[in-house]
C-alpha atoms as a PDB file:
ATOM      1  CA  MET A   1     -44.925-192.604 -71.070  1.00  0.00           C
ATOM      2  CA  LYS A   2     -47.306-191.201 -68.387  1.00  0.00           C
ATOM      3  CA  LYS A   3     -49.718-188.647 -69.833  1.00  0.00           C
ATOM      4  CA  LYS A   4     -47.963-186.224 -67.112  1.00  0.00           C
ATOM      5  CA  ASP A   5     -44.924-186.625 -68.208  1.00  0.00           C
ATOM      6  CA  ILE A   6     -45.600-186.080 -71.880  1.00  0.00           C
ATOM      7  CA  LEU A   7     -48.097-182.590 -70.711  1.00  0.00           C
ATOM      8  CA  LYS A   8     -44.900-181.328 -68.959  1.00  0.00           C
ATOM      9  CA  LYS A   9     -42.339-181.924 -71.783  1.00  0.00           C
ATOM     10  CA  ALA A  10     -44.709-180.338 -74.404  1.00  0.00           C
ATOM     11  CA  ARG A  11     -44.690-177.324 -72.428  1.00  0.00           C
ATOM     12  CA  GLU A  12     -40.772-177.352 -71.624  1.00  0.00           C
ATOM     13  CA  GLU A  13     -40.654-177.380 -75.685  1.00  0.00           C
ATOM     14  CA  LYS A  14     -43.170-174.515 -75.817  1.00  0.00           C
ATOM     15  CA  SER A  15     -41.190-172.776 -74.216  1.00  0.00           C
ATOM     16  CA  ASP A  16     -37.984-173.248 -75.837  1.00  0.00           C
ATOM     17  CA  GLU A  17     -40.020-172.449 -78.916  1.00  0.00           C
ATOM     18  CA  MET A  18     -41.259-169.244 -77.876  1.00  0.00           C
ATOM     19  CA  GLU A  19     -37.493-168.087 -76.716  1.00  0.00           C
ATOM     20  CA  ASN A  20     -36.156-169.040 -79.944  1.00  0.00           C
ATOM     21  CA  SER A  21     -38.774-166.791 -81.529  1.00  0.00           C
ATOM     22  CA  VAL A  22     -38.262-163.669 -79.815  1.00  0.00           C
ATOM     23  CA  ARG A  23     -34.760-163.564 -80.374  1.00  0.00           C
ATOM     24  CA  ASP A  24     -35.275-164.009 -83.800  1.00  0.00           C
ATOM     25  CA  ARG A  25     -37.975-161.189 -84.096  1.00  0.00           C
ATOM     26  CA  SER A  26     -35.389-158.806 -81.616  1.00  0.00           C
ATOM     27  CA  ALA A  27     -33.073-159.808 -84.668  1.00  0.00           C
ATOM     28  CA  VAL A  28     -34.945-157.591 -87.065  1.00  0.00           C
ATOM     29  CA  TRP A  29     -35.814-155.396 -84.426  1.00  0.00           C
ATOM     30  CA  MET A  30     -32.134-154.711 -84.345  1.00  0.00           C
ATOM     31  CA  THR A  31     -31.256-154.564 -87.896  1.00  0.00           C
ATOM     32  CA  LEU A  32     -34.362-151.898 -88.287  1.00  0.00           C
ATOM     33  CA  ALA A  33     -32.798-149.732 -85.768  1.00  0.00           C
ATOM     34  CA  MET A  34     -29.220-150.295 -86.761  1.00  0.00           C
ATOM     35  CA  ALA A  35     -30.349-149.310 -90.756  1.00  0.00           C
ATOM     36  CA  ILE A  36     -32.317-146.136 -89.272  1.00  0.00           C
ATOM     37  CA  ALA A  37     -29.552-145.088 -86.729  1.00  0.00           C
ATOM     38  CA  ALA A  38     -26.746-145.401 -89.921  1.00  0.00           C
ATOM     39  CA  GLY A  39     -28.600-143.832 -91.825  1.00  0.00           C
ATOM     40  CA  PHE A  40     -29.103-141.049 -89.995  1.00  0.00           C
ATOM     41  CA  PHE A  41     -25.795-140.308 -88.908  1.00  0.00           C
ATOM     42  CA  VAL A  42     -24.734-140.590 -92.120  1.00  0.00           C
ATOM     43  CA  CYS A  43     -26.778-137.725 -93.411  1.00  0.00           C
ATOM     44  CA  MET A  44     -25.325-135.800 -90.337  1.00  0.00           C
ATOM     45  CA  ARG A  45     -21.716-136.822 -90.404  1.00  0.00           C
ATOM     46  CA  ASP A  46     -18.405-134.252 -91.591  1.00  0.00           C
ATOM     47  CA  GLU A  47     -15.509-135.706 -93.725  1.00  0.00           C
ATOM     48  CA  ASN A  48     -12.982-135.630 -90.850  1.00  0.00           C
ATOM     49  CA  ALA A  49     -15.658-136.821 -88.143  1.00  0.00           C
ATOM     50  CA  PRO A  50     -15.396-138.525 -85.665  1.00  0.00           C
ATOM     51  CA  ILE A  51     -16.244-142.436 -85.497  1.00  0.00           C
ATOM     52  CA  MET A  52     -18.484-141.695 -81.999  1.00  0.00           C
ATOM     53  CA  ASP A  53     -21.575-142.401 -84.804  1.00  0.00           C
ATOM     54  CA  LEU A  54     -20.416-145.967 -85.261  1.00  0.00           C
ATOM     55  CA  THR A  55     -20.474-146.397 -81.444  1.00  0.00           C
ATOM     56  CA  ALA A  56     -24.049-144.939 -81.425  1.00  0.00           C
ATOM     57  CA  THR A  57     -24.910-147.294 -83.882  1.00  0.00           C
ATOM     58  CA  VAL A  58     -24.137-150.268 -82.352  1.00  0.00           C
ATOM     59  CA  SER A  59     -24.918-149.529 -79.224  1.00  0.00           C
ATOM     60  CA  PHE A  60     -28.286-148.368 -80.191  1.00  0.00           C
ATOM     61  CA  SER A  61     -29.326-151.375 -82.259  1.00  0.00           C
ATOM     62  CA  THR A  62     -27.630-154.060 -79.290  1.00  0.00           C
ATOM     63  CA  ALA A  63     -30.044-151.828 -76.904  1.00  0.00           C
ATOM     64  CA  VAL A  64     -33.114-151.940 -78.918  1.00  0.00           C
ATOM     65  CA  CYS A  65     -32.879-155.648 -79.425  1.00  0.00           C
ATOM     66  CA  CYS A  66     -32.459-155.998 -75.479  1.00  0.00           C
ATOM     67  CA  ILE A  67     -35.109-153.704 -74.344  1.00  0.00           C
ATOM     68  CA  TYR A  68     -37.603-155.620 -77.232  1.00  0.00           C
ATOM     69  CA  ARG A  69     -36.015-159.255 -75.533  1.00  0.00           C
ATOM     70  CA  PHE A  70     -37.042-157.884 -71.970  1.00  0.00           C
ATOM     71  CA  PHE A  71     -40.889-157.182 -72.911  1.00  0.00           C
ATOM     72  CA  ARG A  72     -40.998-160.415 -74.279  1.00  0.00           C
ATOM     73  CA  LEU A  73     -39.413-162.655 -71.910  1.00  0.00           C
ATOM     74  CA  LYS A  74     -39.751-160.804 -68.731  1.00  0.00           C
ATOM     75  CA  GLN A  75     -35.694-161.225 -67.773  1.00  0.00           C
ATOM     76  CA  THR A  76     -34.390-158.753 -65.985  1.00  0.00           C
ATOM     77  CA  TRP A  77     -30.760-158.861 -67.324  1.00  0.00           C
ATOM     78  CA  TYR A  78     -32.206-158.263 -70.681  1.00  0.00           C
ATOM     79  CA  LEU A  79     -33.702-155.013 -69.106  1.00  0.00           C
ATOM     80  CA  ILE A  80     -30.218-153.828 -67.363  1.00  0.00           C
ATOM     81  CA  MET A  81     -28.310-154.368 -70.584  1.00  0.00           C
ATOM     82  CA  GLY A  82     -30.571-152.275 -72.460  1.00  0.00           C
ATOM     83  CA  ILE A  83     -30.622-149.540 -69.698  1.00  0.00           C
ATOM     84  CA  VAL A  84     -26.820-149.050 -70.364  1.00  0.00           C
ATOM     85  CA  LEU A  85     -26.547-149.841 -73.830  1.00  0.00           C
ATOM     86  CA  ALA A  86     -29.279-146.887 -74.301  1.00  0.00           C
ATOM     87  CA  ALA A  87     -26.922-144.859 -72.061  1.00  0.00           C
ATOM     88  CA  ILE A  88     -23.697-145.716 -74.275  1.00  0.00           C
ATOM     89  CA  THR A  89     -25.971-144.568 -77.128  1.00  0.00           C
ATOM     90  CA  VAL A  90     -26.707-140.815 -75.349  1.00  0.00           C
ATOM     91  CA  PHE A  91     -23.125-140.718 -74.532  1.00  0.00           C
ATOM     92  CA  ALA A  92     -22.021-141.346 -77.894  1.00  0.00           C
ATOM     93  CA  THR A  93     -24.184-139.420 -79.658  1.00  0.00           C
ATOM     94  CA  VAL A  94     -24.045-136.257 -77.711  1.00  0.00           C
ATOM     95  CA  ARG A  95     -20.044-136.887 -78.326  1.00  0.00           C
ATOM     96  CA  PHE A  96     -20.680-137.093 -82.004  1.00  0.00           C
ATOM     97  CA  PHE A  97     -22.634-133.616 -82.411  1.00  0.00           C
ATOM     98  CA  GLN A  98     -19.541-132.388 -79.562  1.00  0.00           C
ATOM     99  CA  GLY A  99     -17.481-133.384 -82.783  1.00  0.00           C
ATOM    100  CA  HIS A 100     -15.507-135.890 -80.625  1.00  0.00           C
END
């Protein structure tokens, strides 16, 4: 194997390791965000409240995950998904406080 081939292979493997690391860390951030959001909504929820709090919790945590991945990997897809999910979070939160 030539030196150039070895260097090329090493660079490709390093990129994969970085993506795996980012995915792992984004999952940690997603879990933390979900726990915070769930705790918030549990404190604010009435007995007969609709399930918009669950929608807000899941979309918020997934948005945090996507935005983290965008900042680390610079892939536009994650930014788009993060913005869409953040909008869903806002919508669901507003609906929650309106009692729907």
